[in-house]
């Protein structure tokens, strides 16, 4: 299940990231100045963090909420969140 408003925002953000990445690839190919490429790369990283936040918000509002209501899947939901937290801090 997906929150449709969050889905719309996430798709919009992903398309922006796609365009940013295409711009970075073109910039690398055109041998643009290094700091310009770094600025583009850092911008993409910030956009990805924004997308991560939307995806996490959807997961918490839909899947985690439903899993916590069912005792048999509460441990699974907890482990998924621990795994994501661990991965985000590597």
N, C-alpha and C. Protein backbone atom coordinates (compact mmCIF):
# COMPACT_ATOMS: atom_id res chain seq x y z
N UNK A 1 0.84 -1.17 0.00
CA UNK A 1 0.00 0.00 0.00
C UNK A 1 0.89 1.23 0.00
N UNK A 2 0.47 2.23 -0.71
CA UNK A 2 1.27 3.44 -0.88
C UNK A 2 0.38 4.65 -0.67
N UNK A 3 0.89 5.61 0.06
CA UNK A 3 0.22 6.89 0.20
C UNK A 3 0.38 7.61 -1.14
N UNK A 4 -0.71 7.88 -1.82
CA UNK A 4 -0.65 8.42 -3.18
C UNK A 4 -0.01 9.81 -3.25
N UNK A 5 -0.23 10.63 -2.25
CA UNK A 5 0.39 11.96 -2.24
C UNK A 5 1.90 11.84 -2.12
N UNK A 6 2.35 10.93 -1.25
CA UNK A 6 3.80 10.71 -1.10
C UNK A 6 4.39 10.08 -2.36
N UNK A 7 3.62 9.19 -2.98
CA UNK A 7 4.08 8.56 -4.22
C UNK A 7 4.32 9.63 -5.29
N UNK A 8 3.38 10.54 -5.42
CA UNK A 8 3.49 11.61 -6.41
C UNK A 8 4.73 12.46 -6.15
N UNK A 9 4.94 12.82 -4.89
CA UNK A 9 6.10 13.63 -4.54
C UNK A 9 7.41 12.86 -4.77
N UNK A 10 7.41 11.57 -4.44
CA UNK A 10 8.62 10.75 -4.62
C UNK A 10 8.95 10.59 -6.10
N UNK A 11 7.94 10.36 -6.93
CA UNK A 11 8.17 10.25 -8.37
C UNK A 11 8.72 11.55 -8.94
N UNK A 12 8.16 12.66 -8.49
CA UNK A 12 8.63 13.97 -8.94
C UNK A 12 10.10 14.16 -8.56
N UNK A 13 10.42 13.85 -7.31
CA UNK A 13 11.80 13.97 -6.83
C UNK A 13 12.73 13.05 -7.61
N UNK A 14 12.31 11.82 -7.88
CA UNK A 14 13.14 10.86 -8.62
C UNK A 14 13.42 11.36 -10.04
N UNK A 15 12.43 11.97 -10.66
CA UNK A 15 12.63 12.50 -12.02
C UNK A 15 13.59 13.68 -12.01
N UNK A 16 13.53 14.49 -10.97
CA UNK A 16 14.49 15.59 -10.83
C UNK A 16 15.90 15.02 -10.69
N UNK A 17 16.04 14.01 -9.86
CA UNK A 17 17.35 13.37 -9.66
C UNK A 17 17.86 12.78 -10.96
N UNK A 18 16.97 12.17 -11.72
CA UNK A 18 17.35 11.60 -13.01
C UNK A 18 17.92 12.68 -13.92
N UNK A 19 17.26 13.82 -13.97
CA UNK A 19 17.76 14.93 -14.78
C UNK A 19 19.09 15.47 -14.27
N UNK A 20 19.22 15.56 -12.94
CA UNK A 20 20.47 16.02 -12.36
C UNK A 20 21.62 15.06 -12.70
N UNK A 21 21.35 13.78 -12.63
CA UNK A 21 22.37 12.78 -12.93
C UNK A 21 22.77 12.82 -14.39
N UNK A 22 21.79 13.00 -15.26
CA UNK A 22 22.10 13.13 -16.70
C UNK A 22 22.97 14.36 -16.93
N UNK A 23 22.69 15.45 -16.21
CA UNK A 23 23.51 16.65 -16.32
C UNK A 23 24.94 16.42 -15.85
N UNK A 24 25.07 15.65 -14.78
CA UNK A 24 26.40 15.33 -14.27
C UNK A 24 27.19 14.48 -15.27
N UNK A 25 26.53 13.49 -15.84
CA UNK A 25 27.20 12.65 -16.84
C UNK A 25 27.65 13.49 -18.03
N UNK A 26 26.80 14.37 -18.49
CA UNK A 26 27.17 15.25 -19.61
C UNK A 26 28.33 16.16 -19.22
N UNK A 27 28.30 16.66 -17.99
CA UNK A 27 29.36 17.52 -17.51
C UNK A 27 30.70 16.81 -17.44
N UNK A 28 30.67 15.57 -16.98
CA UNK A 28 31.90 14.78 -16.94
C UNK A 28 32.41 14.54 -18.35
N UNK A 29 31.50 14.17 -19.24
CA UNK A 29 31.89 13.92 -20.63
C UNK A 29 32.46 15.17 -21.28
N UNK A 30 31.91 16.33 -20.94
CA UNK A 30 32.38 17.60 -21.51
C UNK A 30 33.59 18.16 -20.76
N UNK A 31 34.03 17.44 -19.75
CA UNK A 31 35.19 17.83 -18.95
C UNK A 31 35.02 19.21 -18.32
N UNK A 32 33.84 19.41 -17.73
CA UNK A 32 33.59 20.66 -17.03
C UNK A 32 34.54 20.78 -15.83
N UNK A 33 34.68 21.99 -15.35
CA UNK A 33 35.57 22.28 -14.23
C UNK A 33 35.17 21.43 -13.01
N UNK A 34 36.16 20.93 -12.31
CA UNK A 34 35.93 19.97 -11.22
C UNK A 34 34.96 20.48 -10.15
N UNK A 35 35.09 21.74 -9.77
CA UNK A 35 34.19 22.24 -8.72
C UNK A 35 32.74 22.28 -9.19
N UNK A 36 32.54 22.53 -10.46
CA UNK A 36 31.18 22.51 -11.02
C UNK A 36 30.61 21.09 -10.92
N UNK A 37 31.43 20.10 -11.25
CA UNK A 37 30.99 18.70 -11.17
C UNK A 37 30.71 18.31 -9.72
N UNK A 38 31.56 18.77 -8.81
CA UNK A 38 31.33 18.48 -7.39
C UNK A 38 30.05 19.11 -6.89
N UNK A 39 29.76 20.33 -7.33
CA UNK A 39 28.51 20.99 -6.94
C UNK A 39 27.31 20.19 -7.44
N UNK A 40 27.39 19.71 -8.67
CA UNK A 40 26.30 18.89 -9.21
C UNK A 40 26.15 17.59 -8.42
N UNK A 41 27.27 16.96 -8.10
CA UNK A 41 27.24 15.72 -7.34
C UNK A 41 26.64 15.93 -5.96
N UNK A 42 27.05 16.99 -5.28
CA UNK A 42 26.51 17.27 -3.95
C UNK A 42 25.02 17.60 -4.00
N UNK A 43 24.61 18.26 -5.04
CA UNK A 43 23.19 18.57 -5.23
C UNK A 43 22.38 17.28 -5.39
N UNK A 44 22.93 16.34 -6.14
CA UNK A 44 22.27 15.04 -6.33
C UNK A 44 22.16 14.31 -4.99
N UNK A 45 23.23 14.36 -4.21
CA UNK A 45 23.22 13.69 -2.91
C UNK A 45 22.15 14.28 -1.99
N UNK A 46 22.01 15.60 -1.99
CA UNK A 46 20.95 16.24 -1.19
C UNK A 46 19.57 15.83 -1.68
N UNK A 47 19.42 15.75 -2.99
CA UNK A 47 18.13 15.33 -3.56
C UNK A 47 17.81 13.89 -3.18
N UNK A 48 18.82 13.04 -3.17
CA UNK A 48 18.62 11.64 -2.78
C UNK A 48 18.19 11.55 -1.32
N UNK A 49 18.78 12.37 -0.46
CA UNK A 49 18.38 12.37 0.95
C UNK A 49 16.92 12.80 1.09
N UNK A 50 16.51 13.75 0.28
CA UNK A 50 15.13 14.20 0.29
C UNK A 50 14.20 13.07 -0.16
N UNK A 51 14.61 12.34 -1.18
CA UNK A 51 13.83 11.19 -1.65
C UNK A 51 13.78 10.11 -0.58
N UNK A 52 14.91 9.85 0.07
CA UNK A 52 14.94 8.87 1.16
C UNK A 52 13.92 9.22 2.24
N UNK A 53 13.84 10.49 2.58
CA UNK A 53 12.90 10.93 3.62
C UNK A 53 11.46 10.66 3.20
N UNK A 54 11.14 10.90 1.94
CA UNK A 54 9.78 10.63 1.46
C UNK A 54 9.48 9.13 1.50
N UNK A 55 10.43 8.33 1.06
CA UNK A 55 10.22 6.88 1.06
C UNK A 55 10.07 6.34 2.48
N UNK A 56 10.88 6.85 3.39
CA UNK A 56 10.78 6.42 4.78
C UNK A 56 9.44 6.86 5.38
N UNK A 57 9.03 8.08 5.09
CA UNK A 57 7.74 8.56 5.59
C UNK A 57 6.61 7.65 5.13
N UNK A 58 6.63 7.28 3.84
CA UNK A 58 5.59 6.38 3.33
C UNK A 58 5.63 5.04 4.05
N UNK A 59 6.83 4.51 4.23
CA UNK A 59 6.96 3.20 4.87
C UNK A 59 6.43 3.24 6.31
N UNK A 60 6.76 4.31 7.02
CA UNK A 60 6.30 4.42 8.41
C UNK A 60 4.78 4.58 8.49
N UNK A 61 4.23 5.40 7.58
CA UNK A 61 2.79 5.68 7.63
C UNK A 61 1.93 4.53 7.12
N UNK A 62 2.51 3.63 6.37
CA UNK A 62 1.72 2.53 5.81
C UNK A 62 2.16 1.18 6.36
N UNK A 63 3.26 0.67 5.89
CA UNK A 63 3.68 -0.69 6.24
C UNK A 63 4.00 -0.87 7.72
N UNK A 64 4.81 0.02 8.27
CA UNK A 64 5.20 -0.14 9.68
C UNK A 64 3.97 -0.04 10.59
N UNK A 65 3.14 0.95 10.33
CA UNK A 65 1.93 1.10 11.15
C UNK A 65 1.10 -0.18 11.14
N UNK A 66 0.89 -0.74 9.94
CA UNK A 66 0.10 -1.96 9.84
C UNK A 66 0.79 -3.16 10.49
N UNK A 67 2.11 -3.25 10.32
CA UNK A 67 2.85 -4.37 10.92
C UNK A 67 2.83 -4.29 12.45
N UNK A 68 2.91 -3.09 12.99
CA UNK A 68 2.90 -2.95 14.44
C UNK A 68 1.55 -3.32 15.04
N UNK A 69 0.50 -3.17 14.26
CA UNK A 69 -0.83 -3.54 14.75
C UNK A 69 -1.00 -5.06 14.82
N UNK A 70 -0.21 -5.76 14.03
CA UNK A 70 -0.26 -7.22 14.05
C UNK A 70 0.98 -7.72 14.79
N UNK A 71 0.78 -8.32 15.93
CA UNK A 71 1.87 -8.75 16.80
C UNK A 71 2.88 -9.63 16.07
N UNK A 72 2.40 -10.50 15.21
CA UNK A 72 3.30 -11.45 14.54
C UNK A 72 4.28 -10.78 13.58
N UNK A 73 4.00 -9.57 13.15
CA UNK A 73 4.92 -8.89 12.23
C UNK A 73 5.60 -7.66 12.85
N UNK A 74 5.36 -7.40 14.12
CA UNK A 74 5.97 -6.25 14.78
C UNK A 74 7.49 -6.39 14.83
N UNK A 75 7.97 -7.60 15.11
CA UNK A 75 9.43 -7.81 15.17
C UNK A 75 10.06 -7.58 13.80
N UNK A 76 9.37 -7.99 12.77
CA UNK A 76 9.87 -7.78 11.40
C UNK A 76 9.99 -6.29 11.10
N UNK A 77 8.98 -5.54 11.45
CA UNK A 77 8.99 -4.09 11.22
C UNK A 77 10.14 -3.43 11.97
N UNK A 78 10.34 -3.85 13.19
CA UNK A 78 11.44 -3.31 14.00
C UNK A 78 12.78 -3.62 13.35
N UNK A 79 12.97 -4.85 12.92
CA UNK A 79 14.23 -5.25 12.29
C UNK A 79 14.46 -4.50 10.99
N UNK A 80 13.41 -4.30 10.20
CA UNK A 80 13.56 -3.53 8.96
C UNK A 80 14.06 -2.12 9.25
N UNK A 81 13.51 -1.48 10.27
CA UNK A 81 13.92 -0.12 10.62
C UNK A 81 15.36 -0.10 11.13
N UNK A 82 15.74 -1.09 11.92
CA UNK A 82 17.12 -1.19 12.38
C UNK A 82 18.07 -1.36 11.20
N UNK A 83 17.69 -2.20 10.24
CA UNK A 83 18.52 -2.43 9.05
C UNK A 83 18.69 -1.15 8.25
N UNK A 84 17.62 -0.40 8.05
CA UNK A 84 17.69 0.85 7.30
C UNK A 84 18.54 1.86 8.04
N UNK A 85 18.35 1.96 9.35
CA UNK A 85 19.16 2.89 10.16
C UNK A 85 20.64 2.53 10.07
N UNK A 86 20.96 1.26 10.18
CA UNK A 86 22.35 0.82 10.09
C UNK A 86 22.94 1.14 8.72
N UNK A 87 22.20 0.85 7.68
CA UNK A 87 22.66 1.12 6.33
C UNK A 87 22.89 2.62 6.09
N UNK A 88 22.02 3.43 6.66
CA UNK A 88 22.14 4.88 6.45
C UNK A 88 23.33 5.48 7.17
N UNK A 89 23.89 4.77 8.12
CA UNK A 89 25.02 5.28 8.89
C UNK A 89 26.36 4.65 8.50
N UNK A 90 26.40 4.00 7.37
CA UNK A 90 27.67 3.40 6.90
C UNK A 90 28.40 4.39 6.05
